[in-house]
Amino acid sequence: MSDHAQLKHHADLLDRMAETQGIDLQEEAISGRLRFDRIADAVLRCAKCAHPDHCQLWLKAHKDGADRTPDYCRNQDLFELMRNGRGH
């Protein structure tokens, strides 16, 4: 997978993980609650994850929503901040 394709794949995983928790990353960015550079950093953290296949399975199993990410999620802290309204 090319670097561009890999980043695109992980950006999608990140967005889907956020949606599963009721977080709209686009709205968070537009409103200013989450800086675009934080989203870019989150995509890069996701791209370094050793469990993207597990993540896809987890997302399928939690398509109706979840209160938190799986324990191995490299962006768990960021999602927790966003759920608590402190995304910056």
N, C-alpha and C. Protein backbone atom coordinates (compact mmCIF):
# COMPACT_ATOMS: atom_id res chain seq x y z
N MET A 1 0.86 -1.17 0.00
CA MET A 1 0.00 0.00 0.00
C MET A 1 0.91 1.23 0.00
N SER A 2 0.60 2.19 -0.88
CA SER A 2 1.40 3.41 -0.94
C SER A 2 1.19 4.24 0.33
N ASP A 3 2.12 5.15 0.58
CA ASP A 3 2.00 6.02 1.76
C ASP A 3 0.69 6.80 1.74
N HIS A 4 0.33 7.32 0.55
CA HIS A 4 -0.91 8.08 0.42
C HIS A 4 -2.12 7.20 0.72
N ALA A 5 -2.13 6.00 0.16
CA ALA A 5 -3.24 5.08 0.39
C ALA A 5 -3.32 4.68 1.86
N GLN A 6 -2.15 4.46 2.48
CA GLN A 6 -2.13 4.09 3.90
C GLN A 6 -2.69 5.22 4.76
N LEU A 7 -2.28 6.45 4.50
CA LEU A 7 -2.79 7.59 5.28
C LEU A 7 -4.29 7.76 5.07
N LYS A 8 -4.74 7.57 3.84
CA LYS A 8 -6.17 7.68 3.55
C LYS A 8 -6.95 6.61 4.29
N HIS A 9 -6.41 5.40 4.32
CA HIS A 9 -7.04 4.28 5.03
C HIS A 9 -7.16 4.59 6.52
N HIS A 10 -6.08 5.10 7.11
CA HIS A 10 -6.10 5.39 8.54
C HIS A 10 -6.94 6.63 8.87
N ALA A 11 -7.01 7.58 7.95
CA ALA A 11 -7.92 8.72 8.15
C ALA A 11 -9.36 8.22 8.19
N ASP A 12 -9.68 7.25 7.34
CA ASP A 12 -11.02 6.66 7.35
C ASP A 12 -11.28 5.91 8.65
N LEU A 13 -10.30 5.13 9.11
CA LEU A 13 -10.46 4.41 10.39
C LEU A 13 -10.66 5.39 11.54
N LEU A 14 -9.89 6.47 11.54
CA LEU A 14 -10.02 7.48 12.58
C LEU A 14 -11.42 8.10 12.57
N ASP A 15 -11.88 8.46 11.39
CA ASP A 15 -13.20 9.07 11.26
C ASP A 15 -14.29 8.10 11.70
N ARG A 16 -14.17 6.84 11.29
CA ARG A 16 -15.17 5.83 11.69
C ARG A 16 -15.13 5.59 13.19
N MET A 17 -13.94 5.60 13.79
CA MET A 17 -13.83 5.40 15.24
C MET A 17 -14.50 6.57 15.95
N ALA A 18 -14.30 7.77 15.46
CA ALA A 18 -14.94 8.95 16.06
C ALA A 18 -16.47 8.83 15.94
N GLU A 19 -16.95 8.50 14.75
CA GLU A 19 -18.39 8.38 14.54
C GLU A 19 -19.01 7.33 15.46
N THR A 20 -18.30 6.25 15.69
CA THR A 20 -18.79 5.19 16.57
C THR A 20 -19.05 5.72 17.98
N GLN A 21 -18.29 6.75 18.34
CA GLN A 21 -18.42 7.34 19.68
C GLN A 21 -19.28 8.61 19.67
N GLY A 22 -19.93 8.89 18.54
CA GLY A 22 -20.79 10.05 18.45
C GLY A 22 -20.04 11.36 18.23
N ILE A 23 -18.82 11.27 17.72
CA ILE A 23 -17.99 12.45 17.49
C ILE A 23 -17.92 12.71 15.99
N ASP A 24 -18.22 13.93 15.58
CA ASP A 24 -18.13 14.34 14.18
C ASP A 24 -16.85 15.17 14.04
N LEU A 25 -15.79 14.56 13.50
CA LEU A 25 -14.50 15.24 13.40
C LEU A 25 -14.60 16.51 12.56
N GLN A 26 -15.37 16.47 11.49
CA GLN A 26 -15.51 17.65 10.65
C GLN A 26 -16.15 18.79 11.43
N GLU A 27 -17.20 18.51 12.16
CA GLU A 27 -17.86 19.53 12.96
C GLU A 27 -16.92 20.05 14.06
N GLU A 28 -16.17 19.15 14.67
CA GLU A 28 -15.21 19.55 15.71
C GLU A 28 -14.18 20.53 15.14
N ALA A 29 -13.72 20.26 13.93
CA ALA A 29 -12.72 21.12 13.30
C ALA A 29 -13.33 22.45 12.87
N ILE A 30 -14.50 22.41 12.24
CA ILE A 30 -15.14 23.64 11.77
C ILE A 30 -15.47 24.56 12.94
N SER A 31 -15.91 23.98 14.04
CA SER A 31 -16.29 24.79 15.20
C SER A 31 -15.08 25.35 15.94
N GLY A 32 -13.90 24.82 15.65
CA GLY A 32 -12.69 25.28 16.33
C GLY A 32 -12.38 24.52 17.61
N ARG A 33 -13.22 23.52 17.92
CA ARG A 33 -12.96 22.73 19.14
C ARG A 33 -11.79 21.78 18.96
N LEU A 34 -11.45 21.48 17.70
CA LEU A 34 -10.33 20.58 17.42
C LEU A 34 -9.54 21.17 16.25
N ARG A 35 -8.27 21.47 16.50
CA ARG A 35 -7.42 22.03 15.45
C ARG A 35 -7.12 20.97 14.39
N PHE A 36 -6.98 21.44 13.15
CA PHE A 36 -6.69 20.53 12.04
C PHE A 36 -5.38 19.78 12.26
N ASP A 37 -4.39 20.44 12.86
CA ASP A 37 -3.11 19.75 13.09
C ASP A 37 -3.27 18.60 14.09
N ARG A 38 -4.21 18.71 15.02
CA ARG A 38 -4.47 17.60 15.95
C ARG A 38 -5.06 16.41 15.21
N ILE A 39 -5.91 16.69 14.21
CA ILE A 39 -6.47 15.61 13.40
C ILE A 39 -5.36 14.95 12.59
N ALA A 40 -4.50 15.76 11.99
CA ALA A 40 -3.38 15.20 11.21
C ALA A 40 -2.48 14.35 12.09
N ASP A 41 -2.18 14.82 13.29
CA ASP A 41 -1.37 14.04 14.23
C ASP A 41 -2.07 12.73 14.59
N ALA A 42 -3.39 12.78 14.76
CA ALA A 42 -4.16 11.58 15.10
C ALA A 42 -4.10 10.56 13.96
N VAL A 43 -4.16 11.03 12.72
CA VAL A 43 -4.06 10.12 11.57
C VAL A 43 -2.68 9.46 11.57
N LEU A 44 -1.64 10.23 11.83
CA LEU A 44 -0.28 9.66 11.86
C LEU A 44 -0.12 8.65 12.99
N ARG A 45 -0.71 8.93 14.16
CA ARG A 45 -0.67 7.96 15.26
C ARG A 45 -1.39 6.68 14.85
N CYS A 46 -2.53 6.83 14.22
CA CYS A 46 -3.30 5.68 13.77
C CYS A 46 -2.50 4.86 12.76
N ALA A 47 -1.80 5.54 11.87
CA ALA A 47 -1.02 4.86 10.84
C ALA A 47 0.12 4.03 11.44
N LYS A 48 0.53 4.35 12.66
CA LYS A 48 1.59 3.59 13.32
C LYS A 48 1.05 2.43 14.14
N CYS A 49 -0.27 2.26 14.15
CA CYS A 49 -0.91 1.20 14.93
C CYS A 49 -0.59 -0.18 14.35
N ALA A 50 -0.37 -1.11 15.23
CA ALA A 50 -0.09 -2.49 14.82
C ALA A 50 -1.37 -3.31 14.65
N HIS A 51 -2.54 -2.70 14.87
CA HIS A 51 -3.80 -3.46 14.86
C HIS A 51 -4.87 -2.94 13.91
N PRO A 52 -4.54 -2.45 12.71
CA PRO A 52 -5.60 -1.91 11.86
C PRO A 52 -6.66 -2.95 11.49
N ASP A 53 -6.26 -4.21 11.34
CA ASP A 53 -7.24 -5.25 11.03
C ASP A 53 -8.17 -5.48 12.21
N HIS A 54 -7.61 -5.48 13.42
CA HIS A 54 -8.45 -5.62 14.61
C HIS A 54 -9.41 -4.44 14.72
N CYS A 55 -8.91 -3.27 14.38
CA CYS A 55 -9.73 -2.06 14.45
C CYS A 55 -10.93 -2.18 13.51
N GLN A 56 -10.70 -2.66 12.30
CA GLN A 56 -11.81 -2.82 11.36
C GLN A 56 -12.85 -3.80 11.91
N LEU A 57 -12.40 -4.89 12.50
CA LEU A 57 -13.33 -5.85 13.10
C LEU A 57 -14.07 -5.23 14.27
N TRP A 58 -13.37 -4.46 15.10
CA TRP A 58 -13.99 -3.81 16.24
C TRP A 58 -15.06 -2.83 15.77
N LEU A 59 -14.74 -2.06 14.72
CA LEU A 59 -15.70 -1.09 14.18
C LEU A 59 -16.95 -1.79 13.66
N LYS A 60 -16.78 -2.92 13.00
CA LYS A 60 -17.94 -3.68 12.52
C LYS A 60 -18.80 -4.16 13.69
N ALA A 61 -18.14 -4.61 14.74
CA ALA A 61 -18.86 -5.14 15.91
C ALA A 61 -19.56 -4.03 16.70
N HIS A 62 -19.11 -2.79 16.55
CA HIS A 62 -19.66 -1.67 17.31
C HIS A 62 -20.31 -0.63 16.39
N LYS A 63 -20.87 -1.08 15.28
CA LYS A 63 -21.45 -0.14 14.31
C LYS A 63 -22.61 0.66 14.89
N ASP A 64 -23.20 0.19 15.97
CA ASP A 64 -24.30 0.92 16.60
C ASP A 64 -23.82 1.88 17.69
N GLY A 65 -22.50 1.98 17.87
CA GLY A 65 -21.95 2.91 18.83
C GLY A 65 -21.16 2.25 19.94
N ALA A 66 -20.34 3.05 20.58
CA ALA A 66 -19.52 2.57 21.69
C ALA A 66 -19.19 3.76 22.58
N ASP A 67 -18.97 3.49 23.85
CA ASP A 67 -18.63 4.53 24.82
C ASP A 67 -17.16 4.93 24.78
N ARG A 68 -16.32 4.04 24.24
CA ARG A 68 -14.89 4.32 24.19
C ARG A 68 -14.24 3.47 23.12
N THR A 69 -12.98 3.73 22.89
CA THR A 69 -12.23 2.98 21.88
C THR A 69 -11.70 1.68 22.48
N PRO A 70 -11.21 0.78 21.64
CA PRO A 70 -10.53 -0.39 22.20
C PRO A 70 -9.27 0.06 22.95
N ASP A 71 -8.83 -0.73 23.88
CA ASP A 71 -7.68 -0.36 24.72
C ASP A 71 -6.41 -0.08 23.92
N TYR A 72 -6.25 -0.73 22.79
CA TYR A 72 -5.02 -0.54 22.02
C TYR A 72 -5.04 0.71 21.14
N CYS A 73 -6.14 1.45 21.10
CA CYS A 73 -6.24 2.63 20.23
C CYS A 73 -5.23 3.69 20.64
N ARG A 74 -4.43 4.11 19.68
CA ARG A 74 -3.39 5.12 19.93
C ARG A 74 -3.98 6.51 20.10
N ASN A 75 -5.26 6.68 19.80
CA ASN A 75 -5.92 7.98 19.92
C ASN A 75 -6.97 7.99 21.03
N GLN A 76 -6.89 7.03 21.91
CA GLN A 76 -7.86 6.91 22.99
C GLN A 76 -7.96 8.19 23.82
N ASP A 77 -6.83 8.80 24.15
CA ASP A 77 -6.84 10.02 24.97
C ASP A 77 -7.51 11.19 24.23
N LEU A 78 -7.25 11.32 22.94
CA LEU A 78 -7.85 12.39 22.16
C LEU A 78 -9.37 12.20 22.10
N PHE A 79 -9.82 10.99 21.85
CA PHE A 79 -11.26 10.75 21.80
C PHE A 79 -11.92 11.03 23.15
N GLU A 80 -11.24 10.68 24.22
CA GLU A 80 -11.78 10.96 25.55
C GLU A 80 -11.91 12.47 25.78
N LEU A 81 -10.92 13.22 25.37
CA LEU A 81 -10.98 14.68 25.49
C LEU A 81 -12.16 15.23 24.68
N MET A 82 -12.34 14.73 23.47
CA MET A 82 -13.44 15.21 22.63
C MET A 82 -14.80 14.85 23.23
N ARG A 83 -14.92 13.66 23.77
CA ARG A 83 -16.19 13.25 24.39
C ARG A 83 -16.51 14.16 25.57
N ASN A 84 -15.48 14.67 26.22
CA ASN A 84 -15.67 15.54 27.38
C ASN A 84 -15.67 17.02 26.98
N GLY A 85 -15.68 17.31 25.66
CA GLY A 85 -15.78 18.68 25.20
C GLY A 85 -14.51 19.50 25.29
N ARG A 86 -13.36 18.83 25.34
CA ARG A 86 -12.08 19.56 25.47
C ARG A 86 -11.12 19.14 24.36
N GLY A 87 -11.54 19.23 23.12
CA GLY A 87 -10.76 18.70 22.02
C GLY A 87 -9.49 19.42 21.61
N HIS A 88 -9.43 20.71 21.79
CA HIS A 88 -8.33 21.51 21.23
C HIS A 88 -7.07 20.71 21.15
